[in-house]
């Protein structure tokens, strides 16, 4: 079932960077790369670090706590089969919307 939630204006998300956003009871990393937006679970699978505060290099975000890296297009960890949950996003009238699972 779709549960679309507005994250606000796309202008609040800096290009080529990750932003931590609280959506309901979830922390989400919202990433803008090459004018495309992606959203993955903002809590690192390793030890709960803040993925949304990580550094970007291309389509890879690096968790600032211990350097775990994820491809923002899929949520896949760069060196294992671990995946961060990813979320569908879309732009509507200059606002970014995210499709979150229902609690």
PDB file of N, CA and C in Angstrom:
ATOM      1  N   UNK A   1       0.832  -1.168   0.000  1.00  0.00           N
ATOM      2  CA  UNK A   1       0.000   0.000   0.000  1.00  0.00           C
ATOM      3  C   UNK A   1       0.889   1.247   0.000  1.00  0.00           C
ATOM      4  N   UNK A   2       0.520   2.234  -0.758  1.00  0.00           N
ATOM      5  CA  UNK A   2       1.291   3.472  -0.843  1.00  0.00           C
ATOM      6  C   UNK A   2       1.017   4.367   0.360  1.00  0.00           C
ATOM      7  N   UNK A   3       2.079   4.971   0.856  1.00  0.00           N
ATOM      8  CA  UNK A   3       1.997   5.897   1.976  1.00  0.00           C
ATOM      9  C   UNK A   3       2.941   7.053   1.666  1.00  0.00           C
ATOM     10  N   UNK A   4       2.530   7.917   0.756  1.00  0.00           N
ATOM     11  CA  UNK A   4       3.376   9.015   0.299  1.00  0.00           C
ATOM     12  C   UNK A   4       3.363  10.157   1.312  1.00  0.00           C
ATOM     13  N   UNK A   5       4.571  10.630   1.655  1.00  0.00           N
ATOM     14  CA  UNK A   5       4.749  11.695   2.631  1.00  0.00           C
ATOM     15  C   UNK A   5       5.651  12.763   2.022  1.00  0.00           C
ATOM     16  N   UNK A   6       5.267  14.016   2.160  1.00  0.00           N
ATOM     17  CA  UNK A   6       6.085  15.117   1.652  1.00  0.00           C
ATOM     18  C   UNK A   6       7.266  15.356   2.586  1.00  0.00           C
ATOM     19  N   UNK A   7       8.445  15.511   1.994  1.00  0.00           N
ATOM     20  CA  UNK A   7       9.645  15.861   2.747  1.00  0.00           C
ATOM     21  C   UNK A   7       9.962  17.342   2.627  1.00  0.00           C
ATOM     22  N   UNK A   8       9.150  18.074   1.882  1.00  0.00           N
ATOM     23  CA  UNK A   8       9.355  19.506   1.712  1.00  0.00           C
ATOM     24  C   UNK A   8      10.007  19.847   0.389  1.00  0.00           C
ATOM     25  N   UNK A   9      10.413  21.074   0.261  1.00  0.00           N
ATOM     26  CA  UNK A   9      10.981  21.597  -0.980  1.00  0.00           C
ATOM     27  C   UNK A   9      12.280  20.891  -1.350  1.00  0.00           C
ATOM     28  N   UNK A  10      12.451  20.619  -2.633  1.00  0.00           N
ATOM     29  CA  UNK A  10      13.695  19.989  -3.082  1.00  0.00           C
ATOM     30  C   UNK A  10      14.889  20.899  -2.861  1.00  0.00           C
ATOM     31  N   UNK A  11      14.661  22.186  -2.717  1.00  0.00           N
ATOM     32  CA  UNK A  11      15.745  23.150  -2.524  1.00  0.00           C
ATOM     33  C   UNK A  11      16.466  22.980  -1.188  1.00  0.00           C
ATOM     34  N   UNK A  12      15.856  22.301  -0.230  1.00  0.00           N
ATOM     35  CA  UNK A  12      16.492  22.115   1.075  1.00  0.00           C
ATOM     36  C   UNK A  12      17.527  20.984   1.072  1.00  0.00           C
ATOM     37  N   UNK A  13      17.593  20.226  -0.027  1.00  0.00           N
ATOM     38  CA  UNK A  13      18.534  19.114  -0.127  1.00  0.00           C
ATOM     39  C   UNK A  13      19.701  19.526  -1.021  1.00  0.00           C
ATOM     40  N   UNK A  14      20.886  19.564  -0.449  1.00  0.00           N
ATOM     41  CA  UNK A  14      22.076  19.996  -1.186  1.00  0.00           C
ATOM     42  C   UNK A  14      22.490  18.953  -2.213  1.00  0.00           C
ATOM     43  N   UNK A  15      22.934  19.431  -3.369  1.00  0.00           N
ATOM     44  CA  UNK A  15      23.398  18.536  -4.431  1.00  0.00           C
ATOM     45  C   UNK A  15      24.643  17.779  -3.993  1.00  0.00           C
ATOM     46  N   UNK A  16      24.718  16.525  -4.443  1.00  0.00           N
ATOM     47  CA  UNK A  16      25.880  15.665  -4.197  1.00  0.00           C
ATOM     48  C   UNK A  16      26.157  15.480  -2.704  1.00  0.00           C
ATOM     49  N   UNK A  17      25.093  15.385  -1.920  1.00  0.00           N
ATOM     50  CA  UNK A  17      25.276  15.174  -0.492  1.00  0.00           C
ATOM     51  C   UNK A  17      24.118  14.381   0.088  1.00  0.00           C
ATOM     52  N   UNK A  18      24.327  13.895   1.310  1.00  0.00           N
ATOM     53  CA  UNK A  18      23.303  13.157   2.037  1.00  0.00           C
ATOM     54  C   UNK A  18      22.714  14.057   3.116  1.00  0.00           C
ATOM     55  N   UNK A  19      21.429  13.853   3.393  1.00  0.00           N
ATOM     56  CA  UNK A  19      20.731  14.615   4.423  1.00  0.00           C
ATOM     57  C   UNK A  19      19.940  13.643   5.283  1.00  0.00           C
ATOM     58  N   UNK A  20      20.028  13.799   6.590  1.00  0.00           N
ATOM     59  CA  UNK A  20      19.270  12.958   7.506  1.00  0.00           C
ATOM     60  C   UNK A  20      17.891  13.572   7.725  1.00  0.00           C
ATOM     61  N   UNK A  21      16.848  12.759   7.554  1.00  0.00           N
ATOM     62  CA  UNK A  21      15.468  13.217   7.690  1.00  0.00           C
ATOM     63  C   UNK A  21      14.709  12.236   8.576  1.00  0.00           C
ATOM     64  N   UNK A  22      13.912  12.765   9.498  1.00  0.00           N
ATOM     65  CA  UNK A  22      13.045  11.923  10.322  1.00  0.00           C
ATOM     66  C   UNK A  22      11.683  11.887   9.644  1.00  0.00           C
ATOM     67  N   UNK A  23      11.206  10.671   9.359  1.00  0.00           N
ATOM     68  CA  UNK A  23       9.909  10.473   8.720  1.00  0.00           C
ATOM     69  C   UNK A  23       9.104   9.540   9.624  1.00  0.00           C
ATOM     70  N   UNK A  24       8.150  10.101  10.336  1.00  0.00           N
ATOM     71  CA  UNK A  24       7.395   9.298  11.295  1.00  0.00           C
ATOM     72  C   UNK A  24       8.339   8.801  12.378  1.00  0.00           C
ATOM     73  N   UNK A  25       8.474   7.484  12.495  1.00  0.00           N
ATOM     74  CA  UNK A  25       9.380   6.887  13.486  1.00  0.00           C
ATOM     75  C   UNK A  25      10.682   6.403  12.856  1.00  0.00           C
ATOM     76  N   UNK A  26      10.926   6.756  11.596  1.00  0.00           N
ATOM     77  CA  UNK A  26      12.113   6.284  10.875  1.00  0.00           C
ATOM     78  C   UNK A  26      13.099   7.421  10.610  1.00  0.00           C
ATOM     79  N   UNK A  27      14.375   7.051  10.562  1.00  0.00           N
ATOM     80  CA  UNK A  27      15.414   7.978  10.121  1.00  0.00           C
ATOM     81  C   UNK A  27      15.827   7.541   8.730  1.00  0.00           C
ATOM     82  N   UNK A  28      15.776   8.485   7.796  1.00  0.00           N
ATOM     83  CA  UNK A  28      16.033   8.193   6.390  1.00  0.00           C
ATOM     84  C   UNK A  28      17.179   9.065   5.899  1.00  0.00           C
ATOM     85  N   UNK A  29      18.052   8.485   5.089  1.00  0.00           N
ATOM     86  CA  UNK A  29      19.096   9.252   4.410  1.00  0.00           C
ATOM     87  C   UNK A  29      18.572   9.609   3.023  1.00  0.00           C
ATOM     88  N   UNK A  30      18.431  10.907   2.770  1.00  0.00           N
ATOM     89  CA  UNK A  30      17.985  11.394   1.469  1.00  0.00           C
ATOM     90  C   UNK A  30      19.215  11.932   0.752  1.00  0.00           C
ATOM     91  N   UNK A  31      19.411  11.451  -0.462  1.00  0.00           N
ATOM     92  CA  UNK A  31      20.625  11.778  -1.203  1.00  0.00           C
ATOM     93  C   UNK A  31      20.261  12.323  -2.572  1.00  0.00           C
ATOM     94  N   UNK A  32      20.915  13.416  -2.955  1.00  0.00           N
ATOM     95  CA  UNK A  32      20.742  13.955  -4.301  1.00  0.00           C
ATOM     96  C   UNK A  32      22.066  13.774  -5.050  1.00  0.00           C
ATOM     97  N   UNK A  33      22.003  13.059  -6.166  1.00  0.00           N
ATOM     98  CA  UNK A  33      23.171  12.826  -7.009  1.00  0.00           C
ATOM     99  C   UNK A  33      22.766  13.106  -8.443  1.00  0.00           C
ATOM    100  N   UNK A  34      23.487  13.997  -9.089  1.00  0.00           N
ATOM    101  CA  UNK A  34      23.235  14.311 -10.501  1.00  0.00           C
ATOM    102  C   UNK A  34      21.756  14.618 -10.756  1.00  0.00           C
ATOM    103  N   UNK A  35      21.186  15.462  -9.903  1.00  0.00           N
ATOM    104  CA  UNK A  35      19.796  15.907 -10.008  1.00  0.00           C
ATOM    105  C   UNK A  35      18.762  14.793  -9.826  1.00  0.00           C
ATOM    106  N   UNK A  36      19.183  13.635  -9.309  1.00  0.00           N
ATOM    107  CA  UNK A  36      18.269  12.551  -8.968  1.00  0.00           C
ATOM    108  C   UNK A  36      18.268  12.404  -7.450  1.00  0.00           C
ATOM    109  N   UNK A  37      17.124  12.003  -6.909  1.00  0.00           N
ATOM    110  CA  UNK A  37      16.998  11.802  -5.473  1.00  0.00           C
ATOM    111  C   UNK A  37      16.856  10.327  -5.159  1.00  0.00           C
ATOM    112  N   UNK A  38      17.463   9.935  -4.039  1.00  0.00           N
ATOM    113  CA  UNK A  38      17.396   8.564  -3.544  1.00  0.00           C
ATOM    114  C   UNK A  38      17.147   8.628  -2.051  1.00  0.00           C
ATOM    115  N   UNK A  39      16.576   7.562  -1.489  1.00  0.00           N
ATOM    116  CA  UNK A  39      16.342   7.498  -0.045  1.00  0.00           C
ATOM    117  C   UNK A  39      16.587   6.067   0.424  1.00  0.00           C
ATOM    118  N   UNK A  40      17.418   5.954   1.468  1.00  0.00           N
ATOM    119  CA  UNK A  40      17.688   4.648   2.069  1.00  0.00           C
ATOM    120  C   UNK A  40      17.588   4.774   3.583  1.00  0.00           C
ATOM    121  N   UNK A  41      17.506   3.626   4.245  1.00  0.00           N
ATOM    122  CA  UNK A  41      17.483   3.599   5.705  1.00  0.00           C
ATOM    123  C   UNK A  41      18.667   4.403   6.228  1.00  0.00           C
ATOM    124  N   UNK A  42      18.403   5.327   7.125  1.00  0.00           N
ATOM    125  CA  UNK A  42      19.440   6.214   7.631  1.00  0.00           C
ATOM    126  C   UNK A  42      20.240   5.661   8.794  1.00  0.00           C
ATOM    127  N   UNK A  43      19.935   4.436   9.237  1.00  0.00           N
ATOM    128  CA  UNK A  43      20.656   3.810  10.341  1.00  0.00           C
ATOM    129  C   UNK A  43      21.543   2.712   9.761  1.00  0.00           C
ATOM    130  N   UNK A  44      22.849   2.891   9.881  1.00  0.00           N
ATOM    131  CA  UNK A  44      23.804   1.951   9.298  1.00  0.00           C
ATOM    132  C   UNK A  44      23.614   0.542   9.861  1.00  0.00           C
ATOM    133  N   UNK A  45      23.682  -0.452   8.992  1.00  0.00           N
ATOM    134  CA  UNK A  45      23.519  -1.852   9.389  1.00  0.00           C
ATOM    135  C   UNK A  45      24.662  -2.334  10.289  1.00  0.00           C
ATOM    136  N   UNK A  46      25.785  -1.638  10.276  1.00  0.00           N
ATOM    137  CA  UNK A  46      26.947  -2.071  11.059  1.00  0.00           C
ATOM    138  C   UNK A  46      26.733  -1.845  12.555  1.00  0.00           C
ATOM    139  N   UNK A  47      26.702  -0.575  12.965  1.00  0.00           N
ATOM    140  CA  UNK A  47      26.513  -0.285  14.387  1.00  0.00           C
ATOM    141  C   UNK A  47      25.610   0.919  14.617  1.00  0.00           C
ATOM    142  N   UNK A  48      24.687   1.149  13.692  1.00  0.00           N
ATOM    143  CA  UNK A  48      23.679   2.181  13.889  1.00  0.00           C
ATOM    144  C   UNK A  48      24.132   3.602  13.634  1.00  0.00           C
ATOM    145  N   UNK A  49      25.197   3.764  12.872  1.00  0.00           N
ATOM    146  CA  UNK A  49      25.696   5.105  12.564  1.00  0.00           C
ATOM    147  C   UNK A  49      24.733   5.885  11.688  1.00  0.00           C
ATOM    148  N   UNK A  50      24.935   7.211  11.609  1.00  0.00           N
ATOM    149  CA  UNK A  50      24.036   8.097  10.858  1.00  0.00           C
ATOM    150  C   UNK A  50      24.409   8.195   9.371  1.00  0.00           C
ATOM    151  N   UNK A  51      23.878   7.303   8.563  1.00  0.00           N
ATOM    152  CA  UNK A  51      24.186   7.276   7.125  1.00  0.00           C
ATOM    153  C   UNK A  51      23.873   8.632   6.473  1.00  0.00           C
ATOM    154  N   UNK A  52      22.816   9.283   6.915  1.00  0.00           N
ATOM    155  CA  UNK A  52      22.418  10.565   6.346  1.00  0.00           C
ATOM    156  C   UNK A  52      23.373  11.704   6.641  1.00  0.00           C
ATOM    157  N   UNK A  53      24.380  11.452   7.458  1.00  0.00           N
ATOM    158  CA  UNK A  53      25.411  12.457   7.732  1.00  0.00           C
ATOM    159  C   UNK A  53      26.737  12.060   7.083  1.00  0.00           C
ATOM    160  N   UNK A  54      26.672  11.061   6.195  1.00  0.00           N
ATOM    161  CA  UNK A  54      27.877  10.556   5.553  1.00  0.00           C
ATOM    162  C   UNK A  54      28.351  11.389   4.381  1.00  0.00           C
ATOM    163  N   UNK A  55      29.542  11.064   3.909  1.00  0.00           N
ATOM    164  CA  UNK A  55      30.142  11.725   2.757  1.00  0.00           C
ATOM    165  C   UNK A  55      29.758  10.993   1.480  1.00  0.00           C
ATOM    166  N   UNK A  56      29.614  11.747   0.403  1.00  0.00           N
ATOM    167  CA  UNK A  56      29.246  11.192  -0.895  1.00  0.00           C
ATOM    168  C   UNK A  56      30.453  11.147  -1.823  1.00  0.00           C
ATOM    169  N   UNK A  57      30.505  10.095  -2.630  1.00  0.00           N
ATOM    170  CA  UNK A  57      31.461   9.988  -3.722  1.00  0.00           C
ATOM    171  C   UNK A  57      30.730   9.259  -4.844  1.00  0.00           C
ATOM    172  N   UNK A  58      30.301  10.008  -5.851  1.00  0.00           N
ATOM    173  CA  UNK A  58      29.468   9.406  -6.897  1.00  0.00           C
ATOM    174  C   UNK A  58      28.152   8.947  -6.304  1.00  0.00           C
ATOM    175  N   UNK A  59      27.817   7.671  -6.517  1.00  0.00           N
ATOM    176  CA  UNK A  59      26.578   7.104  -5.992  1.00  0.00           C
ATOM    177  C   UNK A  59      26.799   6.330  -4.690  1.00  0.00           C
ATOM    178  N   UNK A  60      27.910   6.581  -4.019  1.00  0.00           N
ATOM    179  CA  UNK A  60      28.231   5.855  -2.784  1.00  0.00           C
ATOM    180  C   UNK A  60      28.258   6.821  -1.606  1.00  0.00           C
ATOM    181  N   UNK A  61      27.527   6.456  -0.547  1.00  0.00           N
ATOM    182  CA  UNK A  61      27.558   7.220   0.704  1.00  0.00           C
ATOM    183  C   UNK A  61      28.351   6.395   1.711  1.00  0.00           C
ATOM    184  N   UNK A  62      29.209   7.071   2.470  1.00  0.00           N
ATOM    185  CA  UNK A  62      30.038   6.421   3.483  1.00  0.00           C
ATOM    186  C   UNK A  62      29.574   6.835   4.867  1.00  0.00           C
ATOM    187  N   UNK A  63      29.206   5.846   5.685  1.00  0.00           N
ATOM    188  CA  UNK A  63      28.780   6.125   7.050  1.00  0.00           C
ATOM    189  C   UNK A  63      29.956   6.742   7.811  1.00  0.00           C
ATOM    190  N   UNK A  64      29.725   7.849   8.513  1.00  0.00           N
ATOM    191  CA  UNK A  64      30.828   8.533   9.188  1.00  0.00           C
ATOM    192  C   UNK A  64      31.397   7.798  10.404  1.00  0.00           C
ATOM    193  N   UNK A  65      30.698   6.825  10.936  1.00  0.00           N
ATOM    194  CA  UNK A  65      31.203   6.153  12.134  1.00  0.00           C
ATOM    195  C   UNK A  65      32.328   5.170  11.833  1.00  0.00           C
ATOM    196  N   UNK A  66      32.117   4.251  10.886  1.00  0.00           N
ATOM    197  CA  UNK A  66      33.106   3.192  10.658  1.00  0.00           C
ATOM    198  C   UNK A  66      33.393   2.946   9.177  1.00  0.00           C
ATOM    199  N   UNK A  67      32.928   3.847   8.311  1.00  0.00           N
ATOM    200  CA  UNK A  67      33.293   3.765   6.905  1.00  0.00           C
ATOM    201  C   UNK A  67      32.526   2.767   6.053  1.00  0.00           C
ATOM    202  N   UNK A  68      31.430   2.233   6.561  1.00  0.00           N
ATOM    203  CA  UNK A  68      30.647   1.328   5.712  1.00  0.00           C
ATOM    204  C   UNK A  68      30.066   2.137   4.562  1.00  0.00           C
ATOM    205  N   UNK A  69      30.102   1.546   3.366  1.00  0.00           N
ATOM    206  CA  UNK A  69      29.680   2.263   2.171  1.00  0.00           C
ATOM    207  C   UNK A  69      28.494   1.573   1.505  1.00  0.00           C
ATOM    208  N   UNK A  70      27.553   2.392   1.033  1.00  0.00           N
ATOM    209  CA  UNK A  70      26.337   1.894   0.402  1.00  0.00           C
ATOM    210  C   UNK A  70      26.108   2.609  -0.921  1.00  0.00           C
ATOM    211  N   UNK A  71      25.664   1.853  -1.924  1.00  0.00           N
ATOM    212  CA  UNK A  71      25.232   2.440  -3.186  1.00  0.00           C
ATOM    213  C   UNK A  71      23.838   3.002  -2.955  1.00  0.00           C
ATOM    214  N   UNK A  72      23.676   4.301  -3.133  1.00  0.00           N
ATOM    215  CA  UNK A  72      22.397   4.943  -2.819  1.00  0.00           C
ATOM    216  C   UNK A  72      21.281   4.556  -3.788  1.00  0.00           C
ATOM    217  N   UNK A  73      21.627   4.027  -4.943  1.00  0.00           N
ATOM    218  CA  UNK A  73      20.598   3.619  -5.909  1.00  0.00           C
ATOM    219  C   UNK A  73      19.883   2.359  -5.475  1.00  0.00           C
ATOM    220  N   UNK A  74      20.555   1.507  -4.712  1.00  0.00           N
ATOM    221  CA  UNK A  74      19.970   0.224  -4.314  1.00  0.00           C
ATOM    222  C   UNK A  74      20.001  -0.026  -2.810  1.00  0.00           C
ATOM    223  N   UNK A  75      20.852   0.691  -2.092  1.00  0.00           N
ATOM    224  CA  UNK A  75      21.040   0.439  -0.665  1.00  0.00           C
ATOM    225  C   UNK A  75      22.049  -0.661  -0.386  1.00  0.00           C
ATOM    226  N   UNK A  76      22.637  -1.250  -1.430  1.00  0.00           N
ATOM    227  CA  UNK A  76      23.553  -2.380  -1.266  1.00  0.00           C
ATOM    228  C   UNK A  76      24.878  -1.926  -0.678  1.00  0.00           C
ATOM    229  N   UNK A  77      25.331  -2.685   0.329  1.00  0.00           N
ATOM    230  CA  UNK A  77      26.653  -2.468   0.913  1.00  0.00           C
ATOM    231  C   UNK A  77      27.695  -2.802  -0.151  1.00  0.00           C
ATOM    232  N   UNK A  78      28.747  -2.039  -0.216  1.00  0.00           N
ATOM    233  CA  UNK A  78      29.746  -2.187  -1.288  1.00  0.00           C
ATOM    234  C   UNK A  78      30.535  -3.491  -1.226  1.00  0.00           C
ATOM    235  N   UNK A  79      30.677  -4.122  -0.062  1.00  0.00           N
ATOM    236  CA  UNK A  79      31.542  -5.305   0.048  1.00  0.00           C
ATOM    237  C   UNK A  79      30.830  -6.569   0.509  1.00  0.00           C
ATOM    238  N   UNK A  80      29.522  -6.532   0.635  1.00  0.00           N
ATOM    239  CA  UNK A  80      28.793  -7.713   1.109  1.00  0.00           C
ATOM    240  C   UNK A  80      27.411  -7.753   0.464  1.00  0.00           C
ATOM    241  N   UNK A  81      26.616  -8.678   0.920  1.00  0.00           N
ATOM    242  CA  UNK A  81      25.246  -8.807   0.415  1.00  0.00           C
ATOM    243  C   UNK A  81      24.242  -8.039   1.275  1.00  0.00           C
ATOM    244  N   UNK A  82      24.732  -7.280   2.243  1.00  0.00           N
ATOM    245  CA  UNK A  82      23.855  -6.494   3.107  1.00  0.00           C
ATOM    246  C   UNK A  82      23.221  -5.367   2.297  1.00  0.00           C
ATOM    247  N   UNK A  83      21.945  -5.125   2.551  1.00  0.00           N
ATOM    248  CA  UNK A  83      21.218  -4.031   1.899  1.00  0.00           C
ATOM    249  C   UNK A  83      20.546  -3.150   2.948  1.00  0.00           C
ATOM    250  N   UNK A  84      20.697  -1.851   2.800  1.00  0.00           N
ATOM    251  CA  UNK A  84      19.879  -0.911   3.536  1.00  0.00           C
ATOM    252  C   UNK A  84      18.537  -0.860   2.812  1.00  0.00           C
ATOM    253  N   UNK A  85      17.451  -0.741   3.538  1.00  0.00           N
ATOM    254  CA  UNK A  85      16.151  -0.597   2.888  1.00  0.00           C
ATOM    255  C   UNK A  85      16.163   0.687   2.066  1.00  0.00           C
ATOM    256  N   UNK A  86      15.636   0.608   0.869  1.00  0.00           N
ATOM    257  CA  UNK A  86      15.523   1.813   0.045  1.00  0.00           C
ATOM    258  C   UNK A  86      14.049   2.153  -0.128  1.00  0.00           C
ATOM    259  N   UNK A  87      13.797   3.424  -0.407  1.00  0.00           N
ATOM    260  CA  UNK A  87      12.433   3.916  -0.500  1.00  0.00           C
ATOM    261  C   UNK A  87      12.241   4.649  -1.820  1.00  0.00           C
ATOM    262  N   UNK A  88      11.079   4.513  -2.390  1.00  0.00           N
ATOM    263  CA  UNK A  88      10.728   5.213  -3.619  1.00  0.00           C
ATOM    264  C   UNK A  88      10.527   6.699  -3.308  1.00  0.00           C
ATOM    265  N   UNK A  89      11.085   7.556  -4.160  1.00  0.00           N
ATOM    266  CA  UNK A  89      10.889   8.996  -4.023  1.00  0.00           C
ATOM    267  C   UNK A  89      10.478   9.575  -5.365  1.00  0.00           C
ATOM    268  N   UNK A  90       9.786  10.689  -5.307  1.00  0.00           N
ATOM    269  CA  UNK A  90       9.435  11.396  -6.540  1.00  0.00           C
ATOM    270  C   UNK A  90       9.254  12.878  -6.245  1.00  0.00           C
ATOM    271  N   UNK A  91       9.412  13.669  -7.297  1.00  0.00           N
ATOM    272  CA  UNK A  91       9.236  15.113  -7.182  1.00  0.00           C
ATOM    273  C   UNK A  91       7.855  15.468  -7.702  1.00  0.00           C
ATOM    274  N   UNK A  92       7.140  16.247  -6.894  1.00  0.00           N
ATOM    275  CA  UNK A  92       5.821  16.759  -7.276  1.00  0.00           C
ATOM    276  C   UNK A  92       5.815  18.259  -6.993  1.00  0.00           C
ATOM    277  N   UNK A  93       5.687  19.049  -8.036  1.00  0.00           N
ATOM    278  CA  UNK A  93       5.610  20.510  -7.870  1.00  0.00           C
ATOM    279  C   UNK A  93       6.724  21.049  -6.967  1.00  0.00           C
ATOM    280  N   UNK A  94       7.952  20.676  -7.250  1.00  0.00           N
ATOM    281  CA  UNK A  94       9.149  21.142  -6.524  1.00  0.00           C
ATOM    282  C   UNK A  94       9.226  20.662  -5.080  1.00  0.00           C
ATOM    283  N   UNK A  95       8.419  19.670  -4.714  1.00  0.00           N
ATOM    284  CA  UNK A  95       8.512  19.039  -3.402  1.00  0.00           C
ATOM    285  C   UNK A  95       8.957  17.602  -3.578  1.00  0.00           C
ATOM    286  N   UNK A  96       9.741  17.110  -2.616  1.00  0.00           N
ATOM    287  CA  UNK A  96      10.185  15.721  -2.634  1.00  0.00           C
ATOM    288  C   UNK A  96       9.240  14.892  -1.780  1.00  0.00           C
ATOM    289  N   UNK A  97       8.752  13.805  -2.345  1.00  0.00           N
ATOM    290  CA  UNK A  97       7.837  12.900  -1.672  1.00  0.00           C
ATOM    291  C   UNK A  97       8.506  11.534  -1.532  1.00  0.00           C
ATOM    292  N   UNK A  98       8.233  10.852  -0.423  1.00  0.00           N
ATOM    293  CA  UNK A  98       8.778   9.532  -0.168  1.00  0.00           C
ATOM    294  C   UNK A  98       7.633   8.561   0.123  1.00  0.00           C
ATOM    295  N   UNK A  99       7.765   7.344  -0.390  1.00  0.00           N
ATOM    296  CA  UNK A  99       6.769   6.320  -0.160  1.00  0.00           C
ATOM    297  C   UNK A  99       7.278   5.415   0.967  1.00  0.00           C
ATOM    298  N   UNK A 100       6.705   5.582   2.151  1.00  0.00           N
ATOM    299  CA  UNK A 100       7.128   4.850   3.339  1.00  0.00           C
ATOM    300  C   UNK A 100       6.157   3.718   3.646  1.00  0.00           C
ATOM    301  N   UNK A 101       6.693   2.594   4.115  1.00  0.00           N
ATOM    302  CA  UNK A 101       5.783   1.516   4.552  1.00  0.00           C
ATOM    303  C   UNK A 101       4.960   1.999   5.738  1.00  0.00           C
ATOM    304  N   UNK A 102       3.772   1.498   5.844  1.00  0.00           N
ATOM    305  CA  UNK A 102       2.913   1.864   6.975  1.00  0.00           C
ATOM    306  C   UNK A 102       3.458   1.223   8.236  1.00  0.00           C
ATOM    307  N   UNK A 103       3.400   1.974   9.360  1.00  0.00           N
ATOM    308  CA  UNK A 103       3.881   1.448  10.655  1.00  0.00           C
ATOM    309  C   UNK A 103       3.005   0.325  11.142  1.00  0.00           C
TER     310      UNK A 103
END
